[in-house]
C-alpha atoms as a PDB file:
ATOM      1  CA  UNK A   1      -0.074   0.236  -0.110  1.00  0.00           C
ATOM      2  CA  UNK A   2       2.924   2.446   0.726  1.00  0.00           C
ATOM      3  CA  UNK A   3       3.685   1.972  -2.974  1.00  0.00           C
ATOM      4  CA  UNK A   4       0.271   2.857  -4.334  1.00  0.00           C
ATOM      5  CA  UNK A   5       0.434   6.111  -1.975  1.00  0.00           C
ATOM      6  CA  UNK A   6       3.962   7.067  -3.378  1.00  0.00           C
ATOM      7  CA  UNK A   7       2.317   6.218  -6.561  1.00  0.00           C
ATOM      8  CA  UNK A   8      -0.173   8.743  -6.395  1.00  0.00           C
ATOM      9  CA  UNK A   9       1.979  11.162  -4.725  1.00  0.00           C
ATOM     10  CA  UNK A  10       4.532  10.939  -7.737  1.00  0.00           C
ATOM     11  CA  UNK A  11       1.675  11.406 -10.086  1.00  0.00           C
ATOM     12  CA  UNK A  12       0.152  14.605  -8.047  1.00  0.00           C
ATOM     13  CA  UNK A  13      -2.864  12.536  -7.418  1.00  0.00           C
ATOM     14  CA  UNK A  14      -2.658  13.230  -3.337  1.00  0.00           C
ATOM     15  CA  UNK A  15      -0.541  15.588  -1.869  1.00  0.00           C
ATOM     16  CA  UNK A  16       3.198  14.525  -1.193  1.00  0.00           C
ATOM     17  CA  UNK A  17       3.836  17.140   1.422  1.00  0.00           C
ATOM     18  CA  UNK A  18       3.185  16.903   5.626  1.00  0.00           C
ATOM     19  CA  UNK A  19      -0.525  18.020   6.577  1.00  0.00           C
ATOM     20  CA  UNK A  20      -1.598  21.077   8.705  1.00  0.00           C
ATOM     21  CA  UNK A  21      -0.208  18.717  11.850  1.00  0.00           C
ATOM     22  CA  UNK A  22       3.082  18.212  10.366  1.00  0.00           C
ATOM     23  CA  UNK A  23       2.418  14.246   9.418  1.00  0.00           C
ATOM     24  CA  UNK A  24       3.249  13.029   6.488  1.00  0.00           C
ATOM     25  CA  UNK A  25       0.311  12.681   3.976  1.00  0.00           C
ATOM     26  CA  UNK A  26       0.845   9.005   3.064  1.00  0.00           C
ATOM     27  CA  UNK A  27      -0.462   7.236   5.840  1.00  0.00           C
ATOM     28  CA  UNK A  28       1.622   3.924   5.611  1.00  0.00           C
ATOM     29  CA  UNK A  29       4.541   6.117   6.959  1.00  0.00           C
ATOM     30  CA  UNK A  30       2.442   6.652   9.851  1.00  0.00           C
ATOM     31  CA  UNK A  31       1.542   2.784  10.286  1.00  0.00           C
ATOM     32  CA  UNK A  32       3.643   0.547  12.950  1.00  0.00           C
ATOM     33  CA  UNK A  33       4.623  -3.121  12.031  1.00  0.00           C
ATOM     34  CA  UNK A  34       6.783  -5.394  13.934  1.00  0.00           C
ATOM     35  CA  UNK A  35      10.451  -5.486  12.126  1.00  0.00           C
ATOM     36  CA  UNK A  36      11.557  -8.587  13.907  1.00  0.00           C
ATOM     37  CA  UNK A  37      10.552 -12.122  13.958  1.00  0.00           C
ATOM     38  CA  UNK A  38      10.764 -14.534  16.833  1.00  0.00           C
ATOM     39  CA  UNK A  39      10.830 -17.320  14.233  1.00  0.00           C
ATOM     40  CA  UNK A  40      14.092 -19.687  14.419  1.00  0.00           C
ATOM     41  CA  UNK A  41      14.930 -22.387  12.027  1.00  0.00           C
ATOM     42  CA  UNK A  42      14.867 -25.854  13.074  1.00  0.00           C
ATOM     43  CA  UNK A  43      18.556 -26.922  12.559  1.00  0.00           C
ATOM     44  CA  UNK A  44      19.038 -30.722  11.101  1.00  0.00           C
ATOM     45  CA  UNK A  45      22.631 -32.133  12.689  1.00  0.00           C
ATOM     46  CA  UNK A  46      24.617 -34.271  10.567  1.00  0.00           C
ATOM     47  CA  UNK A  47      23.560 -37.355  12.029  1.00  0.00           C
ATOM     48  CA  UNK A  48      19.945 -36.086  11.732  1.00  0.00           C
ATOM     49  CA  UNK A  49      20.590 -35.596   7.828  1.00  0.00           C
ATOM     50  CA  UNK A  50      21.970 -39.349   7.297  1.00  0.00           C
ATOM     51  CA  UNK A  51      18.590 -40.554   8.889  1.00  0.00           C
ATOM     52  CA  UNK A  52      16.829 -38.505   6.791  1.00  0.00           C
ATOM     53  CA  UNK A  53      18.642 -39.649   3.702  1.00  0.00           C
ATOM     54  CA  UNK A  54      18.612 -43.363   4.901  1.00  0.00           C
ATOM     55  CA  UNK A  55      14.737 -43.104   4.685  1.00  0.00           C
ATOM     56  CA  UNK A  56      14.772 -41.477   1.011  1.00  0.00           C
ATOM     57  CA  UNK A  57      17.143 -44.139   0.456  1.00  0.00           C
ATOM     58  CA  UNK A  58      15.009 -46.182  -2.268  1.00  0.00           C
ATOM     59  CA  UNK A  59      14.930 -46.912  -5.911  1.00  0.00           C
ATOM     60  CA  UNK A  60      11.628 -45.025  -6.232  1.00  0.00           C
ATOM     61  CA  UNK A  61      12.720 -41.716  -4.237  1.00  0.00           C
ATOM     62  CA  UNK A  62      16.233 -41.113  -5.884  1.00  0.00           C
ATOM     63  CA  UNK A  63      15.119 -37.832  -6.986  1.00  0.00           C
ATOM     64  CA  UNK A  64      13.937 -36.887  -3.829  1.00  0.00           C
ATOM     65  CA  UNK A  65      17.340 -38.432  -2.086  1.00  0.00           C
ATOM     66  CA  UNK A  66      19.156 -36.325  -4.500  1.00  0.00           C
ATOM     67  CA  UNK A  67      17.278 -33.133  -4.269  1.00  0.00           C
ATOM     68  CA  UNK A  68      17.692 -33.733  -0.163  1.00  0.00           C
ATOM     69  CA  UNK A  69      21.607 -33.765  -0.518  1.00  0.00           C
ATOM     70  CA  UNK A  70      21.719 -31.003  -3.020  1.00  0.00           C
ATOM     71  CA  UNK A  71      19.923 -28.520  -0.840  1.00  0.00           C
ATOM     72  CA  UNK A  72      21.928 -29.799   2.564  1.00  0.00           C
ATOM     73  CA  UNK A  73      25.228 -29.863   0.801  1.00  0.00           C
ATOM     74  CA  UNK A  74      25.041 -26.370  -1.032  1.00  0.00           C
ATOM     75  CA  UNK A  75      22.627 -24.474   0.749  1.00  0.00           C
ATOM     76  CA  UNK A  76      20.772 -23.279  -2.121  1.00  0.00           C
ATOM     77  CA  UNK A  77      17.546 -21.719  -1.758  1.00  0.00           C
ATOM     78  CA  UNK A  78      14.226 -24.174  -2.547  1.00  0.00           C
ATOM     79  CA  UNK A  79      13.374 -21.786  -5.725  1.00  0.00           C
ATOM     80  CA  UNK A  80      17.022 -22.158  -6.794  1.00  0.00           C
ATOM     81  CA  UNK A  81      17.536 -25.685  -6.484  1.00  0.00           C
ATOM     82  CA  UNK A  82      14.355 -26.335  -8.504  1.00  0.00           C
ATOM     83  CA  UNK A  83      14.893 -23.969 -11.254  1.00  0.00           C
ATOM     84  CA  UNK A  84      18.135 -25.579 -12.094  1.00  0.00           C
ATOM     85  CA  UNK A  85      18.969 -27.589 -15.316  1.00  0.00           C
ATOM     86  CA  UNK A  86      21.556 -29.630 -16.390  1.00  0.00           C
ATOM     87  CA  UNK A  87      23.463 -27.029 -18.282  1.00  0.00           C
ATOM     88  CA  UNK A  88      23.753 -25.611 -14.968  1.00  0.00           C
ATOM     89  CA  UNK A  89      26.505 -27.985 -14.173  1.00  0.00           C
ATOM     90  CA  UNK A  90      30.413 -27.119 -14.699  1.00  0.00           C
ATOM     91  CA  UNK A  91      31.746 -30.408 -14.142  1.00  0.00           C
ATOM     92  CA  UNK A  92      35.054 -29.141 -15.047  1.00  0.00           C
ATOM     93  CA  UNK A  93      34.953 -26.167 -12.581  1.00  0.00           C
ATOM     94  CA  UNK A  94      33.166 -27.852  -9.474  1.00  0.00           C
ATOM     95  CA  UNK A  95      30.437 -25.439  -9.421  1.00  0.00           C
ATOM     96  CA  UNK A  96      26.778 -25.013  -9.738  1.00  0.00           C
ATOM     97  CA  UNK A  97      25.615 -21.659 -11.823  1.00  0.00           C
ATOM     98  CA  UNK A  98      22.455 -19.931 -10.191  1.00  0.00           C
ATOM     99  CA  UNK A  99      20.746 -18.515 -13.392  1.00  0.00           C
ATOM    100  CA  UNK A 100      17.281 -18.759 -12.542  1.00  0.00           C
ATOM    101  CA  UNK A 101      14.692 -19.613 -10.067  1.00  0.00           C
ATOM    102  CA  UNK A 102      11.412 -21.318  -9.792  1.00  0.00           C
ATOM    103  CA  UNK A 103       8.844 -19.853  -7.869  1.00  0.00           C
ATOM    104  CA  UNK A 104       4.805 -19.854  -7.500  1.00  0.00           C
ATOM    105  CA  UNK A 105       4.925 -22.254 -10.648  1.00  0.00           C
ATOM    106  CA  UNK A 106       6.771 -20.092 -13.076  1.00  0.00           C
ATOM    107  CA  UNK A 107      10.423 -18.708 -13.707  1.00  0.00           C
ATOM    108  CA  UNK A 108      11.653 -16.055 -12.091  1.00  0.00           C
ATOM    109  CA  UNK A 109      15.399 -14.437 -12.156  1.00  0.00           C
ATOM    110  CA  UNK A 110      16.400 -15.183  -8.584  1.00  0.00           C
ATOM    111  CA  UNK A 111      16.173 -13.578  -5.564  1.00  0.00           C
ATOM    112  CA  UNK A 112      18.767 -10.795  -5.743  1.00  0.00           C
ATOM    113  CA  UNK A 113      22.130 -10.097  -7.762  1.00  0.00           C
ATOM    114  CA  UNK A 114      23.976 -11.807  -5.103  1.00  0.00           C
ATOM    115  CA  UNK A 115      21.923 -15.326  -5.663  1.00  0.00           C
ATOM    116  CA  UNK A 116      23.490 -15.281  -9.232  1.00  0.00           C
ATOM    117  CA  UNK A 117      26.801 -16.245  -7.899  1.00  0.00           C
ATOM    118  CA  UNK A 118      27.975 -19.669  -8.342  1.00  0.00           C
ATOM    119  CA  UNK A 119      27.623 -22.673  -5.845  1.00  0.00           C
ATOM    120  CA  UNK A 120      30.876 -25.103  -5.042  1.00  0.00           C
ATOM    121  CA  UNK A 121      30.381 -28.533  -5.803  1.00  0.00           C
ATOM    122  CA  UNK A 122      32.629 -30.847  -4.068  1.00  0.00           C
ATOM    123  CA  UNK A 123      33.899 -33.830  -6.303  1.00  0.00           C
ATOM    124  CA  UNK A 124      31.729 -36.409  -3.877  1.00  0.00           C
ATOM    125  CA  UNK A 125      28.518 -34.371  -4.801  1.00  0.00           C
ATOM    126  CA  UNK A 126      29.201 -34.099  -8.312  1.00  0.00           C
ATOM    127  CA  UNK A 127      29.131 -38.096  -8.340  1.00  0.00           C
ATOM    128  CA  UNK A 128      26.044 -38.304  -6.571  1.00  0.00           C
ATOM    129  CA  UNK A 129      24.515 -35.862  -8.963  1.00  0.00           C
ATOM    130  CA  UNK A 130      25.759 -37.801 -12.278  1.00  0.00           C
ATOM    131  CA  UNK A 131      24.381 -41.145 -10.901  1.00  0.00           C
ATOM    132  CA  UNK A 132      20.754 -39.184 -10.678  1.00  0.00           C
ATOM    133  CA  UNK A 133      21.565 -38.141 -14.376  1.00  0.00           C
ATOM    134  CA  UNK A 134      21.976 -41.638 -15.230  1.00  0.00           C
ATOM    135  CA  UNK A 135      18.934 -42.473 -13.877  1.00  0.00           C
ATOM    136  CA  UNK A 136      16.731 -39.515 -14.581  1.00  0.00           C
ATOM    137  CA  UNK A 137      14.174 -39.714 -17.268  1.00  0.00           C
ATOM    138  CA  UNK A 138      15.123 -36.303 -18.289  1.00  0.00           C
ATOM    139  CA  UNK A 139      19.077 -35.524 -18.662  1.00  0.00           C
ATOM    140  CA  UNK A 140      19.646 -33.469 -21.331  1.00  0.00           C
ATOM    141  CA  UNK A 141      21.235 -30.229 -20.680  1.00  0.00           C
ATOM    142  CA  UNK A 142      17.983 -28.277 -21.188  1.00  0.00           C
ATOM    143  CA  UNK A 143      16.188 -30.533 -18.951  1.00  0.00           C
ATOM    144  CA  UNK A 144      15.352 -30.112 -15.319  1.00  0.00           C
ATOM    145  CA  UNK A 145      17.551 -31.546 -12.644  1.00  0.00           C
ATOM    146  CA  UNK A 146      14.420 -32.357 -10.723  1.00  0.00           C
ATOM    147  CA  UNK A 147      11.712 -32.690 -13.244  1.00  0.00           C
ATOM    148  CA  UNK A 148       8.150 -33.348 -12.478  1.00  0.00           C
ATOM    149  CA  UNK A 149       7.057 -36.648 -14.287  1.00  0.00           C
ATOM    150  CA  UNK A 150       3.562 -35.835 -14.081  1.00  0.00           C
ATOM    151  CA  UNK A 151       3.774 -32.733 -16.386  1.00  0.00           C
ATOM    152  CA  UNK A 152       6.115 -34.743 -18.872  1.00  0.00           C
ATOM    153  CA  UNK A 153       9.419 -32.651 -17.555  1.00  0.00           C
ATOM    154  CA  UNK A 154       8.342 -29.499 -18.580  1.00  0.00           C
ATOM    155  CA  UNK A 155       8.363 -27.865 -15.343  1.00  0.00           C
ATOM    156  CA  UNK A 156      10.071 -28.606 -12.071  1.00  0.00           C
ATOM    157  CA  UNK A 157       8.691 -30.256  -9.047  1.00  0.00           C
ATOM    158  CA  UNK A 158       6.379 -28.294  -6.924  1.00  0.00           C
ATOM    159  CA  UNK A 159       8.915 -27.299  -3.746  1.00  0.00           C
ATOM    160  CA  UNK A 160       6.429 -26.950  -1.253  1.00  0.00           C
ATOM    161  CA  UNK A 161       4.273 -30.077  -2.182  1.00  0.00           C
ATOM    162  CA  UNK A 162       7.820 -32.070  -2.333  1.00  0.00           C
ATOM    163  CA  UNK A 163       8.845 -30.853   0.812  1.00  0.00           C
ATOM    164  CA  UNK A 164       5.945 -31.953   2.518  1.00  0.00           C
ATOM    165  CA  UNK A 165       5.375 -35.056   1.236  1.00  0.00           C
ATOM    166  CA  UNK A 166       9.237 -36.276   1.073  1.00  0.00           C
ATOM    167  CA  UNK A 167      11.489 -33.870   3.067  1.00  0.00           C
ATOM    168  CA  UNK A 168       9.029 -33.236   5.967  1.00  0.00           C
ATOM    169  CA  UNK A 169       7.558 -37.084   5.803  1.00  0.00           C
ATOM    170  CA  UNK A 170      11.470 -38.457   5.984  1.00  0.00           C
ATOM    171  CA  UNK A 171      12.400 -36.057   8.862  1.00  0.00           C
ATOM    172  CA  UNK A 172       9.300 -37.607  11.065  1.00  0.00           C
ATOM    173  CA  UNK A 173      10.442 -41.243  10.265  1.00  0.00           C
ATOM    174  CA  UNK A 174      13.650 -40.169  10.996  1.00  0.00           C
ATOM    175  CA  UNK A 175      12.545 -38.761  14.457  1.00  0.00           C
ATOM    176  CA  UNK A 176      14.055 -35.575  13.782  1.00  0.00           C
ATOM    177  CA  UNK A 177      10.690 -33.696  14.195  1.00  0.00           C
ATOM    178  CA  UNK A 178       7.472 -35.299  15.947  1.00  0.00           C
ATOM    179  CA  UNK A 179       4.376 -36.009  13.897  1.00  0.00           C
ATOM    180  CA  UNK A 180       1.999 -33.675  15.418  1.00  0.00           C
ATOM    181  CA  UNK A 181       5.067 -30.858  15.311  1.00  0.00           C
ATOM    182  CA  UNK A 182       3.301 -27.545  14.040  1.00  0.00           C
ATOM    183  CA  UNK A 183       7.292 -26.339  13.657  1.00  0.00           C
ATOM    184  CA  UNK A 184       7.875 -25.007  10.334  1.00  0.00           C
ATOM    185  CA  UNK A 185      10.460 -27.161   8.657  1.00  0.00           C
ATOM    186  CA  UNK A 186      11.417 -27.749   4.729  1.00  0.00           C
ATOM    187  CA  UNK A 187      14.241 -27.122   2.287  1.00  0.00           C
ATOM    188  CA  UNK A 188      15.237 -23.534   3.772  1.00  0.00           C
ATOM    189  CA  UNK A 189      16.120 -25.225   7.164  1.00  0.00           C
ATOM    190  CA  UNK A 190      18.515 -27.392   5.458  1.00  0.00           C
ATOM    191  CA  UNK A 191      20.407 -24.241   4.430  1.00  0.00           C
ATOM    192  CA  UNK A 192      20.297 -22.645   8.084  1.00  0.00           C
ATOM    193  CA  UNK A 193      21.673 -26.288   8.872  1.00  0.00           C
ATOM    194  CA  UNK A 194      24.911 -25.846   6.684  1.00  0.00           C
ATOM    195  CA  UNK A 195      25.611 -22.639   7.815  1.00  0.00           C
ATOM    196  CA  UNK A 196      25.436 -23.631  11.196  1.00  0.00           C
ATOM    197  CA  UNK A 197      27.525 -26.983  10.694  1.00  0.00           C
ATOM    198  CA  UNK A 198      30.279 -24.720   8.666  1.00  0.00           C
ATOM    199  CA  UNK A 199      30.110 -22.167  11.461  1.00  0.00           C
ATOM    200  CA  UNK A 200      31.094 -25.108  14.590  1.00  0.00           C
ATOM    201  CA  UNK A 201      33.927 -26.186  12.186  1.00  0.00           C
ATOM    202  CA  UNK A 202      35.253 -22.621  12.708  1.00  0.00           C
ATOM    203  CA  UNK A 203      35.008 -22.373   8.600  1.00  0.00           C
ATOM    204  CA  UNK A 204      36.020 -18.434   8.087  1.00  0.00           C
ATOM    205  CA  UNK A 205      32.804 -16.207   7.737  1.00  0.00           C
ATOM    206  CA  UNK A 206      33.432 -14.870   4.438  1.00  0.00           C
ATOM    207  CA  UNK A 207      33.544 -18.320   3.094  1.00  0.00           C
ATOM    208  CA  UNK A 208      30.324 -19.072   4.643  1.00  0.00           C
ATOM    209  CA  UNK A 209      29.107 -15.806   3.611  1.00  0.00           C
ATOM    210  CA  UNK A 210      30.188 -16.651  -0.191  1.00  0.00           C
ATOM    211  CA  UNK A 211      29.093 -20.219   0.141  1.00  0.00           C
ATOM    212  CA  UNK A 212      25.264 -18.604   1.048  1.00  0.00           C
ATOM    213  CA  UNK A 213      25.967 -15.804  -1.268  1.00  0.00           C
ATOM    214  CA  UNK A 214      24.534 -13.134   0.837  1.00  0.00           C
ATOM    215  CA  UNK A 215      25.392  -9.518   0.737  1.00  0.00           C
ATOM    216  CA  UNK A 216      28.421  -8.426   3.068  1.00  0.00           C
ATOM    217  CA  UNK A 217      28.654  -5.330   5.156  1.00  0.00           C
ATOM    218  CA  UNK A 218      31.383  -3.630   3.290  1.00  0.00           C
ATOM    219  CA  UNK A 219      30.547  -4.647  -0.332  1.00  0.00           C
ATOM    220  CA  UNK A 220      27.624  -6.165  -2.212  1.00  0.00           C
ATOM    221  CA  UNK A 221      28.196  -9.068  -4.317  1.00  0.00           C
ATOM    222  CA  UNK A 222      26.408  -8.176  -7.688  1.00  0.00           C
ATOM    223  CA  UNK A 223      27.773 -10.630  -9.999  1.00  0.00           C
ATOM    224  CA  UNK A 224      29.148 -14.086 -10.190  1.00  0.00           C
ATOM    225  CA  UNK A 225      32.022 -14.814  -8.431  1.00  0.00           C
ATOM    226  CA  UNK A 226      34.731 -17.963  -9.030  1.00  0.00           C
ATOM    227  CA  UNK A 227      34.150 -20.749  -6.929  1.00  0.00           C
ATOM    228  CA  UNK A 228      37.338 -20.936  -4.639  1.00  0.00           C
ATOM    229  CA  UNK A 229      38.988 -24.141  -3.064  1.00  0.00           C
ATOM    230  CA  UNK A 230      38.028 -23.455   0.554  1.00  0.00           C
ATOM    231  CA  UNK A 231      34.190 -23.444  -0.557  1.00  0.00           C
ATOM    232  CA  UNK A 232      34.678 -26.740  -2.144  1.00  0.00           C
ATOM    233  CA  UNK A 233      36.303 -27.948   1.169  1.00  0.00           C
ATOM    234  CA  UNK A 234      34.185 -26.336   3.454  1.00  0.00           C
ATOM    235  CA  UNK A 235      31.587 -28.420   1.275  1.00  0.00           C
ATOM    236  CA  UNK A 236      33.578 -31.548   1.639  1.00  0.00           C
ATOM    237  CA  UNK A 237      33.513 -31.125   5.633  1.00  0.00           C
ATOM    238  CA  UNK A 238      29.852 -31.462   5.784  1.00  0.00           C
ATOM    239  CA  UNK A 239      29.690 -34.592   3.187  1.00  0.00           C
ATOM    240  CA  UNK A 240      31.925 -36.166   5.128  1.00  0.00           C
ATOM    241  CA  UNK A 241      30.150 -35.838   8.107  1.00  0.00           C
ATOM    242  CA  UNK A 242      27.198 -37.150   6.763  1.00  0.00           C
ATOM    243  CA  UNK A 243      29.536 -40.175   5.112  1.00  0.00           C
ATOM    244  CA  UNK A 244      29.052 -39.475   1.765  1.00  0.00           C
ATOM    245  CA  UNK A 245      32.598 -38.268   0.884  1.00  0.00           C
ATOM    246  CA  UNK A 246      33.194 -41.132  -1.490  1.00  0.00           C
ATOM    247  CA  UNK A 247      31.894 -42.690  -4.898  1.00  0.00           C
ATOM    248  CA  UNK A 248      28.195 -43.699  -4.668  1.00  0.00           C
ATOM    249  CA  UNK A 249      27.857 -47.452  -5.212  1.00  0.00           C
END
């Protein structure tokens, strides 16, 4: 609504000055709202991630297993992971390019300019992605990594539905959350979890910020930056912690 009033003031449809009592004529400037949230994301420990992956480790849920691993090991935002295509995987440089996002049933350009930076891909993670590509019915460069089979691969899976039916369900079966627990739990929790894990392993804050592609205080990451060896090594720490540092069977 604030934008609506600003638009009206810009085109002189309503006054843009102060009223006779010295208050802004845009009423949205007088509104108060809580600027902080008490929400704290549920963090998944490496041992709990092992249990979740074990629940998804079936031939029928290989897509969901790989999807959970990618989220856990890269800290990609859900809309970024579901927007990935095989052409985005740079096998030679050990990185995943974030070129688009899939949100609310359509492609978008991504959350922020910072989010367009590439994501590190440890060789162990690359091997699991290759294994999934061999099994996927949609493995061309232009295909989505995590396609909707129901819609013939034209679009990726629905993040919310997939998260509720598979990730959350696996977490409940693994005892990570209770069945009747109303706590918010989905793909984004794995992003928080990786950052927490890195912090516990004393990974440099700058490496964590680059991995999460978050804006620094001293500079804004507006363009794609090369993935460095520290980021790949940091991801390797997580993969080792969940016993996935070797080649897939």
